Amino acid sequence: MKLILAALSLVLTGCAAQPIYNHPTKNQADFARDSYECEQSAWQHAANMGAPGNPLIARDAYHDCMTRKHGYTLAPKPTKT
């Protein structure tokens, strides 16, 4: 069952457009460090919630970490012309 959840999460995250985070003072190296920290924290949060590997819980926890803890904002979505 865990293997099915892991495969499903890879498929779902690979197909979805990844959000773009901006920060007024941080560079790409800062982003990579912060993103890695938030990713690890998000997967741990999902496991603590009793849903290890759940991409929906992890996604929300990652977003909260990036925005609340590290001060990133989401870039506006491009408009279709």
PDB file of N, CA and C in Angstrom:
ATOM      1  N   MET A   1       0.823  -1.197   0.000  1.00  0.00           N
ATOM      2  CA  MET A   1       0.000   0.000   0.000  1.00  0.00           C
ATOM      3  C   MET A   1       0.869   1.264   0.000  1.00  0.00           C
ATOM      4  N   LYS A   2       1.950   1.232   0.802  1.00  0.00           N
ATOM      5  CA  LYS A   2       2.840   2.388   0.849  1.00  0.00           C
ATOM      6  C   LYS A   2       3.465   2.641  -0.518  1.00  0.00           C
ATOM      7  N   LEU A   3       3.792   1.563  -1.225  1.00  0.00           N
ATOM      8  CA  LEU A   3       4.388   1.716  -2.553  1.00  0.00           C
ATOM      9  C   LEU A   3       3.407   2.371  -3.512  1.00  0.00           C
ATOM     10  N   ILE A   4       2.148   2.014  -3.421  1.00  0.00           N
ATOM     11  CA  ILE A   4       1.123   2.610  -4.278  1.00  0.00           C
ATOM     12  C   ILE A   4       0.972   4.098  -3.965  1.00  0.00           C
ATOM     13  N   LEU A   5       0.951   4.452  -2.675  1.00  0.00           N
ATOM     14  CA  LEU A   5       0.853   5.859  -2.297  1.00  0.00           C
ATOM     15  C   LEU A   5       2.056   6.658  -2.773  1.00  0.00           C
ATOM     16  N   ALA A   6       3.237   6.078  -2.649  1.00  0.00           N
ATOM     17  CA  ALA A   6       4.447   6.769  -3.091  1.00  0.00           C
ATOM     18  C   ALA A   6       4.420   6.987  -4.603  1.00  0.00           C
ATOM     19  N   ALA A   7       4.024   5.972  -5.353  1.00  0.00           N
ATOM     20  CA  ALA A   7       3.951   6.103  -6.808  1.00  0.00           C
ATOM     21  C   ALA A   7       2.898   7.120  -7.211  1.00  0.00           C
ATOM     22  N   LEU A   8       1.769   7.097  -6.549  1.00  0.00           N
ATOM     23  CA  LEU A   8       0.701   8.047  -6.846  1.00  0.00           C
ATOM     24  C   LEU A   8       1.147   9.478  -6.551  1.00  0.00           C
ATOM     25  N   SER A   9       1.859   9.662  -5.458  1.00  0.00           N
ATOM     26  CA  SER A   9       2.312  11.012  -5.126  1.00  0.00           C
ATOM     27  C   SER A   9       3.312  11.520  -6.153  1.00  0.00           C
ATOM     28  N   LEU A  10       4.169  10.648  -6.668  1.00  0.00           N
ATOM     29  CA  LEU A  10       5.113  11.066  -7.710  1.00  0.00           C
ATOM     30  C   LEU A  10       4.381  11.467  -8.983  1.00  0.00           C
ATOM     31  N   VAL A  11       3.375  10.705  -9.357  1.00  0.00           N
ATOM     32  CA  VAL A  11       2.607  11.021 -10.555  1.00  0.00           C
ATOM     33  C   VAL A  11       1.874  12.345 -10.381  1.00  0.00           C
ATOM     34  N   LEU A  12       1.220  12.525  -9.237  1.00  0.00           N
ATOM     35  CA  LEU A  12       0.451  13.742  -9.012  1.00  0.00           C
ATOM     36  C   LEU A  12       1.336  14.971  -8.930  1.00  0.00           C
ATOM     37  N   THR A  13       2.455  14.887  -8.258  1.00  0.00           N
ATOM     38  CA  THR A  13       3.317  16.050  -8.136  1.00  0.00           C
ATOM     39  C   THR A  13       4.056  16.334  -9.432  1.00  0.00           C
ATOM     40  N   GLY A  14       4.313  15.325 -10.222  1.00  0.00           N
ATOM     41  CA  GLY A  14       4.990  15.543 -11.497  1.00  0.00           C
ATOM     42  C   GLY A  14       4.100  16.215 -12.527  1.00  0.00           C
ATOM     43  N   CYS A  15       2.809  15.995 -12.444  1.00  0.00           N
ATOM     44  CA  CYS A  15       1.882  16.552 -13.419  1.00  0.00           C
ATOM     45  C   CYS A  15       1.417  17.957 -13.055  1.00  0.00           C
ATOM     46  N   ALA A  16       1.461  18.291 -11.805  1.00  0.00           N
ATOM     47  CA  ALA A  16       0.961  19.592 -11.365  1.00  0.00           C
ATOM     48  C   ALA A  16       2.026  20.663 -11.575  1.00  0.00           C
ATOM     49  N   ALA A  17       1.555  21.849 -11.906  1.00  0.00           N
ATOM     50  CA  ALA A  17       2.478  22.975 -12.030  1.00  0.00           C
ATOM     51  C   ALA A  17       2.973  23.345 -10.639  1.00  0.00           C
ATOM     52  N   GLN A  18       4.273  23.422 -10.495  1.00  0.00           N
ATOM     53  CA  GLN A  18       4.847  23.750  -9.203  1.00  0.00           C
ATOM     54  C   GLN A  18       4.744  25.253  -8.962  1.00  0.00           C
ATOM     55  N   PRO A  19       4.355  25.650  -7.753  1.00  0.00           N
ATOM     56  CA  PRO A  19       4.272  27.084  -7.461  1.00  0.00           C
ATOM     57  C   PRO A  19       5.664  27.708  -7.444  1.00  0.00           C
ATOM     58  N   ILE A  20       5.722  28.975  -7.738  1.00  0.00           N
ATOM     59  CA  ILE A  20       6.981  29.709  -7.727  1.00  0.00           C
ATOM     60  C   ILE A  20       6.953  30.649  -6.532  1.00  0.00           C
ATOM     61  N   TYR A  21       7.959  30.510  -5.689  1.00  0.00           N
ATOM     62  CA  TYR A  21       8.059  31.342  -4.489  1.00  0.00           C
ATOM     63  C   TYR A  21       9.088  32.443  -4.715  1.00  0.00           C
ATOM     64  N   ASN A  22       8.758  33.626  -4.238  1.00  0.00           N
ATOM     65  CA  ASN A  22       9.654  34.786  -4.328  1.00  0.00           C
ATOM     66  C   ASN A  22       9.968  35.297  -2.931  1.00  0.00           C
ATOM     67  N   HIS A  23      11.150  35.873  -2.798  1.00  0.00           N
ATOM     68  CA  HIS A  23      11.537  36.541  -1.551  1.00  0.00           C
ATOM     69  C   HIS A  23      12.344  37.771  -1.934  1.00  0.00           C
ATOM     70  N   PRO A  24      12.064  38.912  -1.306  1.00  0.00           N
ATOM     71  CA  PRO A  24      12.719  40.153  -1.725  1.00  0.00           C
ATOM     72  C   PRO A  24      14.221  40.204  -1.451  1.00  0.00           C
ATOM     73  N   THR A  25      14.727  39.431  -0.496  1.00  0.00           N
ATOM     74  CA  THR A  25      16.147  39.560  -0.156  1.00  0.00           C
ATOM     75  C   THR A  25      16.949  38.277  -0.270  1.00  0.00           C
ATOM     76  N   LYS A  26      16.311  37.155  -0.544  1.00  0.00           N
ATOM     77  CA  LYS A  26      17.034  35.877  -0.572  1.00  0.00           C
ATOM     78  C   LYS A  26      17.387  35.483  -1.989  1.00  0.00           C
ATOM     79  N   ASN A  27      18.529  34.786  -2.131  1.00  0.00           N
ATOM     80  CA  ASN A  27      18.989  34.324  -3.441  1.00  0.00           C
ATOM     81  C   ASN A  27      18.632  32.847  -3.648  1.00  0.00           C
ATOM     82  N   GLN A  28      19.090  32.283  -4.754  1.00  0.00           N
ATOM     83  CA  GLN A  28      18.753  30.903  -5.110  1.00  0.00           C
ATOM     84  C   GLN A  28      19.299  29.901  -4.089  1.00  0.00           C
ATOM     85  N   ALA A  29      20.482  30.164  -3.559  1.00  0.00           N
ATOM     86  CA  ALA A  29      21.054  29.261  -2.553  1.00  0.00           C
ATOM     87  C   ALA A  29      20.210  29.285  -1.271  1.00  0.00           C
ATOM     88  N   ASP A  30      19.748  30.466  -0.887  1.00  0.00           N
ATOM     89  CA  ASP A  30      18.868  30.577   0.276  1.00  0.00           C
ATOM     90  C   ASP A  30      17.575  29.809   0.032  1.00  0.00           C
ATOM     91  N   PHE A  31      17.022  29.965  -1.164  1.00  0.00           N
ATOM     92  CA  PHE A  31      15.792  29.261  -1.505  1.00  0.00           C
ATOM     93  C   PHE A  31      15.988  27.750  -1.427  1.00  0.00           C
ATOM     94  N   ALA A  32      17.093  27.261  -1.979  1.00  0.00           N
ATOM     95  CA  ALA A  32      17.347  25.818  -1.970  1.00  0.00           C
ATOM     96  C   ALA A  32      17.431  25.289  -0.536  1.00  0.00           C
ATOM     97  N   ARG A  33      18.118  26.011   0.329  1.00  0.00           N
ATOM     98  CA  ARG A  33      18.248  25.601   1.726  1.00  0.00           C
ATOM     99  C   ARG A  33      16.882  25.631   2.424  1.00  0.00           C
ATOM    100  N   ASP A  34      16.147  26.728   2.258  1.00  0.00           N
ATOM    101  CA  ASP A  34      14.832  26.856   2.895  1.00  0.00           C
ATOM    102  C   ASP A  34      13.854  25.814   2.363  1.00  0.00           C
ATOM    103  N   SER A  35      13.872  25.592   1.067  1.00  0.00           N
ATOM    104  CA  SER A  35      12.965  24.634   0.449  1.00  0.00           C
ATOM    105  C   SER A  35      13.242  23.224   0.957  1.00  0.00           C
ATOM    106  N   TYR A  36      14.520  22.868   1.065  1.00  0.00           N
ATOM    107  CA  TYR A  36      14.877  21.543   1.555  1.00  0.00           C
ATOM    108  C   TYR A  36      14.399  21.368   2.998  1.00  0.00           C
ATOM    109  N   GLU A  37      14.639  22.379   3.814  1.00  0.00           N
ATOM    110  CA  GLU A  37      14.205  22.321   5.215  1.00  0.00           C
ATOM    111  C   GLU A  37      12.687  22.156   5.305  1.00  0.00           C
ATOM    112  N   CYS A  38      11.951  22.932   4.518  1.00  0.00           N
ATOM    113  CA  CYS A  38      10.493  22.858   4.548  1.00  0.00           C
ATOM    114  C   CYS A  38       9.980  21.532   4.002  1.00  0.00           C
ATOM    115  N   GLU A  39      10.654  20.991   2.999  1.00  0.00           N
ATOM    116  CA  GLU A  39      10.242  19.703   2.447  1.00  0.00           C
ATOM    117  C   GLU A  39      10.392  18.605   3.493  1.00  0.00           C
ATOM    118  N   GLN A  40      11.528  18.594   4.168  1.00  0.00           N
ATOM    119  CA  GLN A  40      11.742  17.585   5.210  1.00  0.00           C
ATOM    120  C   GLN A  40      10.706  17.730   6.328  1.00  0.00           C
ATOM    121  N   SER A  41      10.469  18.954   6.726  1.00  0.00           N
ATOM    122  CA  SER A  41       9.493  19.229   7.780  1.00  0.00           C
ATOM    123  C   SER A  41       8.089  18.822   7.353  1.00  0.00           C
ATOM    124  N   ALA A  42       7.756  19.064   6.095  1.00  0.00           N
ATOM    125  CA  ALA A  42       6.415  18.748   5.583  1.00  0.00           C
ATOM    126  C   ALA A  42       6.160  17.242   5.578  1.00  0.00           C
ATOM    127  N   TRP A  43       7.138  16.454   5.133  1.00  0.00           N
ATOM    128  CA  TRP A  43       6.950  15.002   5.116  1.00  0.00           C
ATOM    129  C   TRP A  43       6.873  14.461   6.536  1.00  0.00           C
ATOM    130  N   GLN A  44       7.634  15.053   7.460  1.00  0.00           N
ATOM    131  CA  GLN A  44       7.558  14.632   8.860  1.00  0.00           C
ATOM    132  C   GLN A  44       6.192  14.981   9.444  1.00  0.00           C
ATOM    133  N   HIS A  45       5.680  16.149   9.078  1.00  0.00           N
ATOM    134  CA  HIS A  45       4.351  16.565   9.539  1.00  0.00           C
ATOM    135  C   HIS A  45       3.285  15.575   9.064  1.00  0.00           C
ATOM    136  N   ALA A  46       3.362  15.172   7.801  1.00  0.00           N
ATOM    137  CA  ALA A  46       2.397  14.202   7.275  1.00  0.00           C
ATOM    138  C   ALA A  46       2.482  12.890   8.052  1.00  0.00           C
ATOM    139  N   ALA A  47       3.690  12.456   8.349  1.00  0.00           N
ATOM    140  CA  ALA A  47       3.858  11.213   9.116  1.00  0.00           C
ATOM    141  C   ALA A  47       3.283  11.373  10.526  1.00  0.00           C
ATOM    142  N   ASN A  48       3.526  12.530  11.140  1.00  0.00           N
ATOM    143  CA  ASN A  48       3.004  12.778  12.486  1.00  0.00           C
ATOM    144  C   ASN A  48       1.475  12.824  12.515  1.00  0.00           C
ATOM    145  N   MET A  49       0.875  13.199  11.382  1.00  0.00           N
ATOM    146  CA  MET A  49      -0.583  13.253  11.280  1.00  0.00           C
ATOM    147  C   MET A  49      -1.183  11.868  11.028  1.00  0.00           C
ATOM    148  N   GLY A  50      -0.332  10.851  10.926  1.00  0.00           N
ATOM    149  CA  GLY A  50      -0.806   9.498  10.681  1.00  0.00           C
ATOM    150  C   GLY A  50      -0.994   9.183   9.207  1.00  0.00           C
ATOM    151  N   ALA A  51      -0.428  10.028   8.343  1.00  0.00           N
ATOM    152  CA  ALA A  51      -0.565   9.827   6.903  1.00  0.00           C
ATOM    153  C   ALA A  51       0.802   9.966   6.229  1.00  0.00           C
ATOM    154  N   PRO A  52       1.752   9.079   6.559  1.00  0.00           N
ATOM    155  CA  PRO A  52       3.079   9.206   5.959  1.00  0.00           C
ATOM    156  C   PRO A  52       3.010   9.103   4.437  1.00  0.00           C
ATOM    157  N   GLY A  53       3.697  10.006   3.768  1.00  0.00           N
ATOM    158  CA  GLY A  53       3.717   9.990   2.312  1.00  0.00           C
ATOM    159  C   GLY A  53       2.529  10.672   1.659  1.00  0.00           C
ATOM    160  N   ASN A  54       1.621  11.255   2.428  1.00  0.00           N
ATOM    161  CA  ASN A  54       0.446  11.905   1.855  1.00  0.00           C
ATOM    162  C   ASN A  54       0.854  13.239   1.233  1.00  0.00           C
ATOM    163  N   PRO A  55       0.785  13.355  -0.099  1.00  0.00           N
ATOM    164  CA  PRO A  55       1.259  14.573  -0.754  1.00  0.00           C
ATOM    165  C   PRO A  55       0.391  15.797  -0.482  1.00  0.00           C
ATOM    166  N   LEU A  56      -0.876  15.606  -0.176  1.00  0.00           N
ATOM    167  CA  LEU A  56      -1.747  16.748   0.083  1.00  0.00           C
ATOM    168  C   LEU A  56      -1.416  17.409   1.419  1.00  0.00           C
ATOM    169  N   ILE A  57      -1.206  16.601   2.439  1.00  0.00           N
ATOM    170  CA  ILE A  57      -0.829  17.146   3.739  1.00  0.00           C
ATOM    171  C   ILE A  57       0.554  17.769   3.653  1.00  0.00           C
ATOM    172  N   ALA A  58       1.481  17.098   2.991  1.00  0.00           N
ATOM    173  CA  ALA A  58       2.846  17.608   2.876  1.00  0.00           C
ATOM    174  C   ALA A  58       2.879  18.917   2.091  1.00  0.00           C
ATOM    175  N   ARG A  59       2.081  19.022   1.044  1.00  0.00           N
ATOM    176  CA  ARG A  59       2.061  20.249   0.239  1.00  0.00           C
ATOM    177  C   ARG A  59       1.630  21.448   1.070  1.00  0.00           C
ATOM    178  N   ASP A  60       0.584  21.273   1.847  1.00  0.00           N
ATOM    179  CA  ASP A  60       0.095  22.372   2.685  1.00  0.00           C
ATOM    180  C   ASP A  60       1.116  22.749   3.754  1.00  0.00           C
ATOM    181  N   ALA A  61       1.746  21.748   4.367  1.00  0.00           N
ATOM    182  CA  ALA A  61       2.748  22.019   5.395  1.00  0.00           C
ATOM    183  C   ALA A  61       3.969  22.716   4.784  1.00  0.00           C
ATOM    184  N   TYR A  62       4.353  22.321   3.576  1.00  0.00           N
ATOM    185  CA  TYR A  62       5.486  22.958   2.880  1.00  0.00           C
ATOM    186  C   TYR A  62       5.170  24.433   2.614  1.00  0.00           C
ATOM    187  N   HIS A  63       3.979  24.690   2.107  1.00  0.00           N
ATOM    188  CA  HIS A  63       3.581  26.064   1.805  1.00  0.00           C
ATOM    189  C   HIS A  63       3.583  26.922   3.075  1.00  0.00           C
ATOM    190  N   ASP A  64       3.033  26.392   4.152  1.00  0.00           N
ATOM    191  CA  ASP A  64       3.031  27.130   5.415  1.00  0.00           C
ATOM    192  C   ASP A  64       4.447  27.435   5.882  1.00  0.00           C
ATOM    193  N   CYS A  65       5.328  26.474   5.770  1.00  0.00           N
ATOM    194  CA  CYS A  65       6.718  26.672   6.186  1.00  0.00           C
ATOM    195  C   CYS A  65       7.394  27.753   5.342  1.00  0.00           C
ATOM    196  N   MET A  66       7.215  27.679   4.035  1.00  0.00           N
ATOM    197  CA  MET A  66       7.874  28.646   3.145  1.00  0.00           C
ATOM    198  C   MET A  66       7.344  30.061   3.371  1.00  0.00           C
ATOM    199  N   THR A  67       6.036  30.194   3.563  1.00  0.00           N
ATOM    200  CA  THR A  67       5.462  31.529   3.686  1.00  0.00           C
ATOM    201  C   THR A  67       5.546  32.079   5.104  1.00  0.00           C
ATOM    202  N   ARG A  68       5.203  31.278   6.083  1.00  0.00           N
ATOM    203  CA  ARG A  68       5.161  31.785   7.458  1.00  0.00           C
ATOM    204  C   ARG A  68       6.521  31.800   8.126  1.00  0.00           C
ATOM    205  N   LYS A  69       7.291  30.749   7.949  1.00  0.00           N
ATOM    206  CA  LYS A  69       8.577  30.671   8.634  1.00  0.00           C
ATOM    207  C   LYS A  69       9.659  31.456   7.914  1.00  0.00           C
ATOM    208  N   HIS A  70       9.693  31.355   6.568  1.00  0.00           N
ATOM    209  CA  HIS A  70      10.795  31.941   5.810  1.00  0.00           C
ATOM    210  C   HIS A  70      10.425  33.215   5.049  1.00  0.00           C
ATOM    211  N   GLY A  71       9.146  33.584   5.021  1.00  0.00           N
ATOM    212  CA  GLY A  71       8.746  34.858   4.447  1.00  0.00           C
ATOM    213  C   GLY A  71       8.625  34.921   2.932  1.00  0.00           C
ATOM    214  N   TYR A  72       8.470  33.790   2.271  1.00  0.00           N
ATOM    215  CA  TYR A  72       8.300  33.787   0.819  1.00  0.00           C
ATOM    216  C   TYR A  72       6.845  34.104   0.475  1.00  0.00           C
ATOM    217  N   THR A  73       6.648  34.600  -0.725  1.00  0.00           N
ATOM    218  CA  THR A  73       5.300  34.797  -1.258  1.00  0.00           C
ATOM    219  C   THR A  73       5.202  34.026  -2.568  1.00  0.00           C
ATOM    220  N   LEU A  74       3.994  33.694  -2.935  1.00  0.00           N
ATOM    221  CA  LEU A  74       3.787  33.010  -4.220  1.00  0.00           C
ATOM    222  C   LEU A  74       3.806  34.028  -5.339  1.00  0.00           C
ATOM    223  N   ALA A  75       4.470  33.675  -6.416  1.00  0.00           N
ATOM    224  CA  ALA A  75       4.463  34.524  -7.608  1.00  0.00           C
ATOM    225  C   ALA A  75       3.072  34.481  -8.221  1.00  0.00           C
ATOM    226  N   PRO A  76       2.620  35.591  -8.801  1.00  0.00           N
ATOM    227  CA  PRO A  76       1.311  35.568  -9.449  1.00  0.00           C
ATOM    228  C   PRO A  76       1.294  34.568 -10.598  1.00  0.00           C
ATOM    229  N   LYS A  77       0.172  33.912 -10.771  1.00  0.00           N
ATOM    230  CA  LYS A  77       0.033  32.967 -11.867  1.00  0.00           C
ATOM    231  C   LYS A  77      -0.019  33.731 -13.183  1.00  0.00           C
ATOM    232  N   PRO A  78       0.669  33.226 -14.197  1.00  0.00           N
ATOM    233  CA  PRO A  78       0.604  33.912 -15.495  1.00  0.00           C
ATOM    234  C   PRO A  78      -0.810  33.840 -16.067  1.00  0.00           C
ATOM    235  N   THR A  79      -1.219  34.895 -16.712  1.00  0.00           N
ATOM    236  CA  THR A  79      -2.543  34.922 -17.321  1.00  0.00           C
ATOM    237  C   THR A  79      -2.446  34.428 -18.750  1.00  0.00           C
ATOM    238  N   LYS A  80      -3.483  33.735 -19.174  1.00  0.00           N
ATOM    239  CA  LYS A  80      -3.515  33.244 -20.549  1.00  0.00           C
ATOM    240  C   LYS A  80      -3.957  34.370 -21.457  1.00  0.00           C
ATOM    241  N   THR A  81      -3.300  34.488 -22.581  1.00  0.00           N
ATOM    242  CA  THR A  81      -3.670  35.539 -23.534  1.00  0.00           C
ATOM    243  C   THR A  81      -4.269  34.954 -24.780  1.00  0.00           C
TER     244      THR A  81
END
